[in-house]
Structures are given as structure tokens and as C-alpha cells.
Amino acid sequence: MLELGFRQDVPQNVYKKLLNNEINSFQQFINEKEDLSSESHYTIFYYIKNDSRKKYLIDSIFLQW
């Protein structure tokens, strides 16, 4: 079964860490501190697949205007 989730207001520094493979787990992604001074923020949509263990797949990333 697939679930769709999202995280809004992801700051630029977390976005860069995600793309540079500096975030090693989904829990680390969720717990990253938000930089309120960041000029750019993103919304990230992801799928959660529940098998014997949870698997996460990022579907799309949108820049918020």
C-alpha cells in the first residue's frame, strides 16, 4: 500500500542537503531545523510504501513563490 505525504516550507539549506545526499534517513529529513531567514522554501511530496519496513520515495519538489 502506498501513502502520499508532504512537507511544506522546507528551507533552502535542507533542500541542498537533500540533493547532496547529506541526509541519511527520512527521520533526519523531518527533524531538520527550519531556517526562517531562508529566501527560498520548497514543498516536497513523497510516497511511503509499507512492506516489511517503510520505504520512502520523493516524488516531486516545488519551489514556493
PDB file of N, CA and C in Angstrom:
ATOM      1  N   MET A   1       0.831  -1.177   0.000  1.00  0.00           N
ATOM      2  CA  MET A   1       0.000   0.000   0.000  1.00  0.00           C
ATOM      3  C   MET A   1       0.877   1.242   0.000  1.00  0.00           C
ATOM      4  N   LEU A   2       0.508   2.236  -0.790  1.00  0.00           N
ATOM      5  CA  LEU A   2       1.251   3.492  -0.860  1.00  0.00           C
ATOM      6  C   LEU A   2       0.469   4.609  -0.186  1.00  0.00           C
ATOM      7  N   GLU A   3       1.177   5.419   0.551  1.00  0.00           N
ATOM      8  CA  GLU A   3       0.605   6.631   1.128  1.00  0.00           C
ATOM      9  C   GLU A   3       1.348   7.810   0.524  1.00  0.00           C
ATOM     10  N   LEU A   4       0.663   8.915   0.380  1.00  0.00           N
ATOM     11  CA  LEU A   4       1.294  10.134  -0.112  1.00  0.00           C
ATOM     12  C   LEU A   4       1.421  11.101   1.050  1.00  0.00           C
ATOM     13  N   GLY A   5       2.618  11.650   1.226  1.00  0.00           N
ATOM     14  CA  GLY A   5       2.853  12.632   2.269  1.00  0.00           C
ATOM     15  C   GLY A   5       3.545  13.845   1.690  1.00  0.00           C
ATOM     16  N   PHE A   6       3.660  14.891   2.487  1.00  0.00           N
ATOM     17  CA  PHE A   6       4.366  16.076   2.019  1.00  0.00           C
ATOM     18  C   PHE A   6       4.904  16.844   3.211  1.00  0.00           C
ATOM     19  N   ARG A   7       5.897  17.671   2.929  1.00  0.00           N
ATOM     20  CA  ARG A   7       6.434  18.598   3.923  1.00  0.00           C
ATOM     21  C   ARG A   7       6.511  19.963   3.259  1.00  0.00           C
ATOM     22  N   GLN A   8       5.878  20.941   3.886  1.00  0.00           N
ATOM     23  CA  GLN A   8       5.883  22.295   3.355  1.00  0.00           C
ATOM     24  C   GLN A   8       6.950  23.133   4.045  1.00  0.00           C
ATOM     25  N   ASP A   9       7.283  24.245   3.432  1.00  0.00           N
ATOM     26  CA  ASP A   9       8.221  25.225   3.983  1.00  0.00           C
ATOM     27  C   ASP A   9       9.587  24.633   4.298  1.00  0.00           C
ATOM     28  N   VAL A  10      10.077  23.790   3.398  1.00  0.00           N
ATOM     29  CA  VAL A  10      11.425  23.242   3.541  1.00  0.00           C
ATOM     30  C   VAL A  10      12.392  24.342   3.110  1.00  0.00           C
ATOM     31  N   PRO A  11      13.288  24.774   4.005  1.00  0.00           N
ATOM     32  CA  PRO A  11      14.187  25.872   3.658  1.00  0.00           C
ATOM     33  C   PRO A  11      15.283  25.440   2.689  1.00  0.00           C
ATOM     34  N   GLN A  12      15.922  26.419   2.103  1.00  0.00           N
ATOM     35  CA  GLN A  12      16.967  26.197   1.100  1.00  0.00           C
ATOM     36  C   GLN A  12      18.086  25.289   1.616  1.00  0.00           C
ATOM     37  N   ASN A  13      18.518  25.460   2.869  1.00  0.00           N
ATOM     38  CA  ASN A  13      19.631  24.658   3.375  1.00  0.00           C
ATOM     39  C   ASN A  13      19.260  23.176   3.479  1.00  0.00           C
ATOM     40  N   VAL A  14      18.037  22.852   3.861  1.00  0.00           N
ATOM     41  CA  VAL A  14      17.601  21.452   3.940  1.00  0.00           C
ATOM     42  C   VAL A  14      17.449  20.878   2.532  1.00  0.00           C
ATOM     43  N   TYR A  15      16.926  21.673   1.616  1.00  0.00           N
ATOM     44  CA  TYR A  15      16.795  21.258   0.217  1.00  0.00           C
ATOM     45  C   TYR A  15      18.164  20.893  -0.370  1.00  0.00           C
ATOM     46  N   LYS A  16      19.160  21.727  -0.123  1.00  0.00           N
ATOM     47  CA  LYS A  16      20.509  21.451  -0.631  1.00  0.00           C
ATOM     48  C   LYS A  16      21.094  20.179  -0.022  1.00  0.00           C
ATOM     49  N   LYS A  17      20.894  19.994   1.281  1.00  0.00           N
ATOM     50  CA  LYS A  17      21.379  18.771   1.940  1.00  0.00           C
ATOM     51  C   LYS A  17      20.723  17.538   1.333  1.00  0.00           C
ATOM     52  N   LEU A  18      19.435  17.631   1.045  1.00  0.00           N
ATOM     53  CA  LEU A  18      18.707  16.513   0.454  1.00  0.00           C
ATOM     54  C   LEU A  18      19.266  16.164  -0.920  1.00  0.00           C
ATOM     55  N   LEU A  19      19.496  17.170  -1.749  1.00  0.00           N
ATOM     56  CA  LEU A  19      20.014  16.923  -3.100  1.00  0.00           C
ATOM     57  C   LEU A  19      21.472  16.473  -3.104  1.00  0.00           C
ATOM     58  N   ASN A  20      22.238  16.856  -2.084  1.00  0.00           N
ATOM     59  CA  ASN A  20      23.652  16.470  -2.000  1.00  0.00           C
ATOM     60  C   ASN A  20      23.867  15.180  -1.205  1.00  0.00           C
ATOM     61  N   ASN A  21      22.773  14.490  -0.918  1.00  0.00           N
ATOM     62  CA  ASN A  21      22.822  13.205  -0.227  1.00  0.00           C
ATOM     63  C   ASN A  21      23.456  13.307   1.162  1.00  0.00           C
ATOM     64  N   GLU A  22      23.248  14.430   1.833  1.00  0.00           N
ATOM     65  CA  GLU A  22      23.769  14.634   3.180  1.00  0.00           C
ATOM     66  C   GLU A  22      22.751  14.261   4.253  1.00  0.00           C
ATOM     67  N   ILE A  23      21.548  13.939   3.838  1.00  0.00           N
ATOM     68  CA  ILE A  23      20.511  13.480   4.759  1.00  0.00           C
ATOM     69  C   ILE A  23      20.391  11.979   4.569  1.00  0.00           C
ATOM     70  N   ASN A  24      20.609  11.230   5.650  1.00  0.00           N
ATOM     71  CA  ASN A  24      20.725   9.782   5.552  1.00  0.00           C
ATOM     72  C   ASN A  24      19.452   9.013   5.865  1.00  0.00           C
ATOM     73  N   SER A  25      18.454   9.676   6.426  1.00  0.00           N
ATOM     74  CA  SER A  25      17.221   8.974   6.758  1.00  0.00           C
ATOM     75  C   SER A  25      16.039   9.926   6.649  1.00  0.00           C
ATOM     76  N   PHE A  26      14.884   9.331   6.539  1.00  0.00           N
ATOM     77  CA  PHE A  26      13.675  10.137   6.474  1.00  0.00           C
ATOM     78  C   PHE A  26      13.471  10.875   7.794  1.00  0.00           C
ATOM     79  N   GLN A  27      13.775  10.225   8.892  1.00  0.00           N
ATOM     80  CA  GLN A  27      13.630  10.852  10.207  1.00  0.00           C
ATOM     81  C   GLN A  27      14.524  12.085  10.314  1.00  0.00           C
ATOM     82  N   GLN A  28      15.726  12.007   9.783  1.00  0.00           N
ATOM     83  CA  GLN A  28      16.627  13.161   9.788  1.00  0.00           C
ATOM     84  C   GLN A  28      16.046  14.292   8.940  1.00  0.00           C
ATOM     85  N   PHE A  29      15.438  13.948   7.806  1.00  0.00           N
ATOM     86  CA  PHE A  29      14.802  14.955   6.939  1.00  0.00           C
ATOM     87  C   PHE A  29      13.674  15.675   7.685  1.00  0.00           C
ATOM     88  N   ILE A  30      12.838  14.927   8.372  1.00  0.00           N
ATOM     89  CA  ILE A  30      11.713  15.510   9.104  1.00  0.00           C
ATOM     90  C   ILE A  30      12.202  16.376  10.264  1.00  0.00           C
ATOM     91  N   ASN A  31      13.288  15.967  10.914  1.00  0.00           N
ATOM     92  CA  ASN A  31      13.768  16.663  12.113  1.00  0.00           C
ATOM     93  C   ASN A  31      14.719  17.816  11.829  1.00  0.00           C
ATOM     94  N   GLU A  32      15.076  18.045  10.562  1.00  0.00           N
ATOM     95  CA  GLU A  32      15.983  19.145  10.236  1.00  0.00           C
ATOM     96  C   GLU A  32      15.375  20.470  10.689  1.00  0.00           C
ATOM     97  N   LYS A  33      16.199  21.318  11.257  1.00  0.00           N
ATOM     98  CA  LYS A  33      15.750  22.624  11.729  1.00  0.00           C
ATOM     99  C   LYS A  33      15.401  23.519  10.546  1.00  0.00           C
ATOM    100  N   GLU A  34      14.372  24.293  10.725  1.00  0.00           N
ATOM    101  CA  GLU A  34      13.961  25.210   9.669  1.00  0.00           C
ATOM    102  C   GLU A  34      14.687  26.534   9.823  1.00  0.00           C
ATOM    103  N   ASP A  35      15.192  27.025   8.724  1.00  0.00           N
ATOM    104  CA  ASP A  35      15.891  28.305   8.688  1.00  0.00           C
ATOM    105  C   ASP A  35      14.889  29.361   8.246  1.00  0.00           C
ATOM    106  N   LEU A  36      14.379  30.116   9.195  1.00  0.00           N
ATOM    107  CA  LEU A  36      13.327  31.084   8.889  1.00  0.00           C
ATOM    108  C   LEU A  36      13.830  32.253   8.047  1.00  0.00           C
ATOM    109  N   SER A  37      15.148  32.440   8.015  1.00  0.00           N
ATOM    110  CA  SER A  37      15.699  33.543   7.233  1.00  0.00           C
ATOM    111  C   SER A  37      15.946  33.148   5.772  1.00  0.00           C
ATOM    112  N   SER A  38      15.709  31.902   5.443  1.00  0.00           N
ATOM    113  CA  SER A  38      15.930  31.426   4.082  1.00  0.00           C
ATOM    114  C   SER A  38      15.015  32.160   3.102  1.00  0.00           C
ATOM    115  N   GLU A  39      15.577  32.541   1.974  1.00  0.00           N
ATOM    116  CA  GLU A  39      14.792  33.248   0.961  1.00  0.00           C
ATOM    117  C   GLU A  39      13.871  32.305   0.201  1.00  0.00           C
ATOM    118  N   SER A  40      14.320  31.093  -0.018  1.00  0.00           N
ATOM    119  CA  SER A  40      13.544  30.129  -0.791  1.00  0.00           C
ATOM    120  C   SER A  40      13.037  29.009   0.111  1.00  0.00           C
ATOM    121  N   HIS A  41      11.813  28.602  -0.134  1.00  0.00           N
ATOM    122  CA  HIS A  41      11.217  27.476   0.570  1.00  0.00           C
ATOM    123  C   HIS A  41      10.588  26.546  -0.455  1.00  0.00           C
ATOM    124  N   TYR A  42      10.524  25.276  -0.117  1.00  0.00           N
ATOM    125  CA  TYR A  42      10.063  24.248  -1.034  1.00  0.00           C
ATOM    126  C   TYR A  42       8.983  23.401  -0.386  1.00  0.00           C
ATOM    127  N   THR A  43       8.157  22.795  -1.219  1.00  0.00           N
ATOM    128  CA  THR A  43       7.226  21.758  -0.790  1.00  0.00           C
ATOM    129  C   THR A  43       7.693  20.464  -1.426  1.00  0.00           C
ATOM    130  N   ILE A  44       7.826  19.424  -0.618  1.00  0.00           N
ATOM    131  CA  ILE A  44       8.325  18.142  -1.100  1.00  0.00           C
ATOM    132  C   ILE A  44       7.239  17.089  -0.885  1.00  0.00           C
ATOM    133  N   PHE A  45       6.832  16.434  -1.976  1.00  0.00           N
ATOM    134  CA  PHE A  45       5.863  15.349  -1.913  1.00  0.00           C
ATOM    135  C   PHE A  45       6.616  14.029  -1.967  1.00  0.00           C
ATOM    136  N   TYR A  46       6.172  13.064  -1.179  1.00  0.00           N
ATOM    137  CA  TYR A  46       6.839  11.768  -1.151  1.00  0.00           C
ATOM    138  C   TYR A  46       5.809  10.659  -0.947  1.00  0.00           C
ATOM    139  N   TYR A  47       6.203   9.449  -1.352  1.00  0.00           N
ATOM    140  CA  TYR A  47       5.400   8.258  -1.132  1.00  0.00           C
ATOM    141  C   TYR A  47       6.007   7.457   0.009  1.00  0.00           C
ATOM    142  N   ILE A  48       5.137   6.809   0.767  1.00  0.00           N
ATOM    143  CA  ILE A  48       5.562   5.886   1.817  1.00  0.00           C
ATOM    144  C   ILE A  48       5.003   4.518   1.446  1.00  0.00           C
ATOM    145  N   LYS A  49       5.891   3.534   1.294  1.00  0.00           N
ATOM    146  CA  LYS A  49       5.468   2.179   0.971  1.00  0.00           C
ATOM    147  C   LYS A  49       5.637   1.322   2.216  1.00  0.00           C
ATOM    148  N   ASN A  50       4.565   0.685   2.648  1.00  0.00           N
ATOM    149  CA  ASN A  50       4.590  -0.157   3.840  1.00  0.00           C
ATOM    150  C   ASN A  50       4.713  -1.620   3.448  1.00  0.00           C
ATOM    151  N   ASP A  51       5.916  -2.144   3.524  1.00  0.00           N
ATOM    152  CA  ASP A  51       6.158  -3.572   3.328  1.00  0.00           C
ATOM    153  C   ASP A  51       6.610  -4.108   4.676  1.00  0.00           C
ATOM    154  N   SER A  52       7.605  -4.942   4.663  1.00  0.00           N
ATOM    155  CA  SER A  52       8.162  -5.427   5.928  1.00  0.00           C
ATOM    156  C   SER A  52       8.821  -4.274   6.686  1.00  0.00           C
ATOM    157  N   ARG A  53       9.206  -3.241   5.967  1.00  0.00           N
ATOM    158  CA  ARG A  53       9.709  -1.997   6.568  1.00  0.00           C
ATOM    159  C   ARG A  53       9.243  -0.837   5.697  1.00  0.00           C
ATOM    160  N   LYS A  54       9.224   0.351   6.260  1.00  0.00           N
ATOM    161  CA  LYS A  54       8.775   1.514   5.493  1.00  0.00           C
ATOM    162  C   LYS A  54       9.852   1.958   4.519  1.00  0.00           C
ATOM    163  N   LYS A  55       9.430   2.294   3.319  1.00  0.00           N
ATOM    164  CA  LYS A  55      10.320   2.826   2.297  1.00  0.00           C
ATOM    165  C   LYS A  55       9.753   4.158   1.837  1.00  0.00           C
ATOM    166  N   TYR A  56      10.636   5.127   1.597  1.00  0.00           N
ATOM    167  CA  TYR A  56      10.225   6.471   1.224  1.00  0.00           C
ATOM    168  C   TYR A  56      10.774   6.802  -0.159  1.00  0.00           C
ATOM    169  N   LEU A  57       9.951   7.416  -0.977  1.00  0.00           N
ATOM    170  CA  LEU A  57      10.344   7.805  -2.325  1.00  0.00           C
ATOM    171  C   LEU A  57       9.885   9.237  -2.572  1.00  0.00           C
ATOM    172  N   ILE A  58      10.838  10.117  -2.829  1.00  0.00           N
ATOM    173  CA  ILE A  58      10.479  11.502  -3.129  1.00  0.00           C
ATOM    174  C   ILE A  58       9.894  11.549  -4.528  1.00  0.00           C
ATOM    175  N   ASP A  59       8.718  12.135  -4.634  1.00  0.00           N
ATOM    176  CA  ASP A  59       8.009  12.202  -5.908  1.00  0.00           C
ATOM    177  C   ASP A  59       8.295  13.507  -6.634  1.00  0.00           C
ATOM    178  N   SER A  60       8.160  14.624  -5.937  1.00  0.00           N
ATOM    179  CA  SER A  60       8.357  15.910  -6.602  1.00  0.00           C
ATOM    180  C   SER A  60       8.713  16.987  -5.591  1.00  0.00           C
ATOM    181  N   ILE A  61       9.389  18.019  -6.102  1.00  0.00           N
ATOM    182  CA  ILE A  61       9.819  19.149  -5.296  1.00  0.00           C
ATOM    183  C   ILE A  61       9.366  20.412  -6.009  1.00  0.00           C
ATOM    184  N   PHE A  62       8.671  21.273  -5.269  1.00  0.00           N
ATOM    185  CA  PHE A  62       8.173  22.522  -5.834  1.00  0.00           C
ATOM    186  C   PHE A  62       8.718  23.712  -5.071  1.00  0.00           C
ATOM    187  N   LEU A  63       9.160  24.699  -5.810  1.00  0.00           N
ATOM    188  CA  LEU A  63       9.593  25.960  -5.209  1.00  0.00           C
ATOM    189  C   LEU A  63       8.354  26.765  -4.876  1.00  0.00           C
ATOM    190  N   GLN A  64       8.281  27.280  -3.656  1.00  0.00           N
ATOM    191  CA  GLN A  64       7.140  28.110  -3.266  1.00  0.00           C
ATOM    192  C   GLN A  64       7.439  29.559  -3.616  1.00  0.00           C
ATOM    193  N   TRP A  65       6.484  30.227  -4.173  1.00  0.00           N
ATOM    194  CA  TRP A  65       6.661  31.639  -4.552  1.00  0.00           C
ATOM    195  C   TRP A  65       6.162  32.522  -3.483  1.00  0.00           C
TER     196      TRP A  65
END
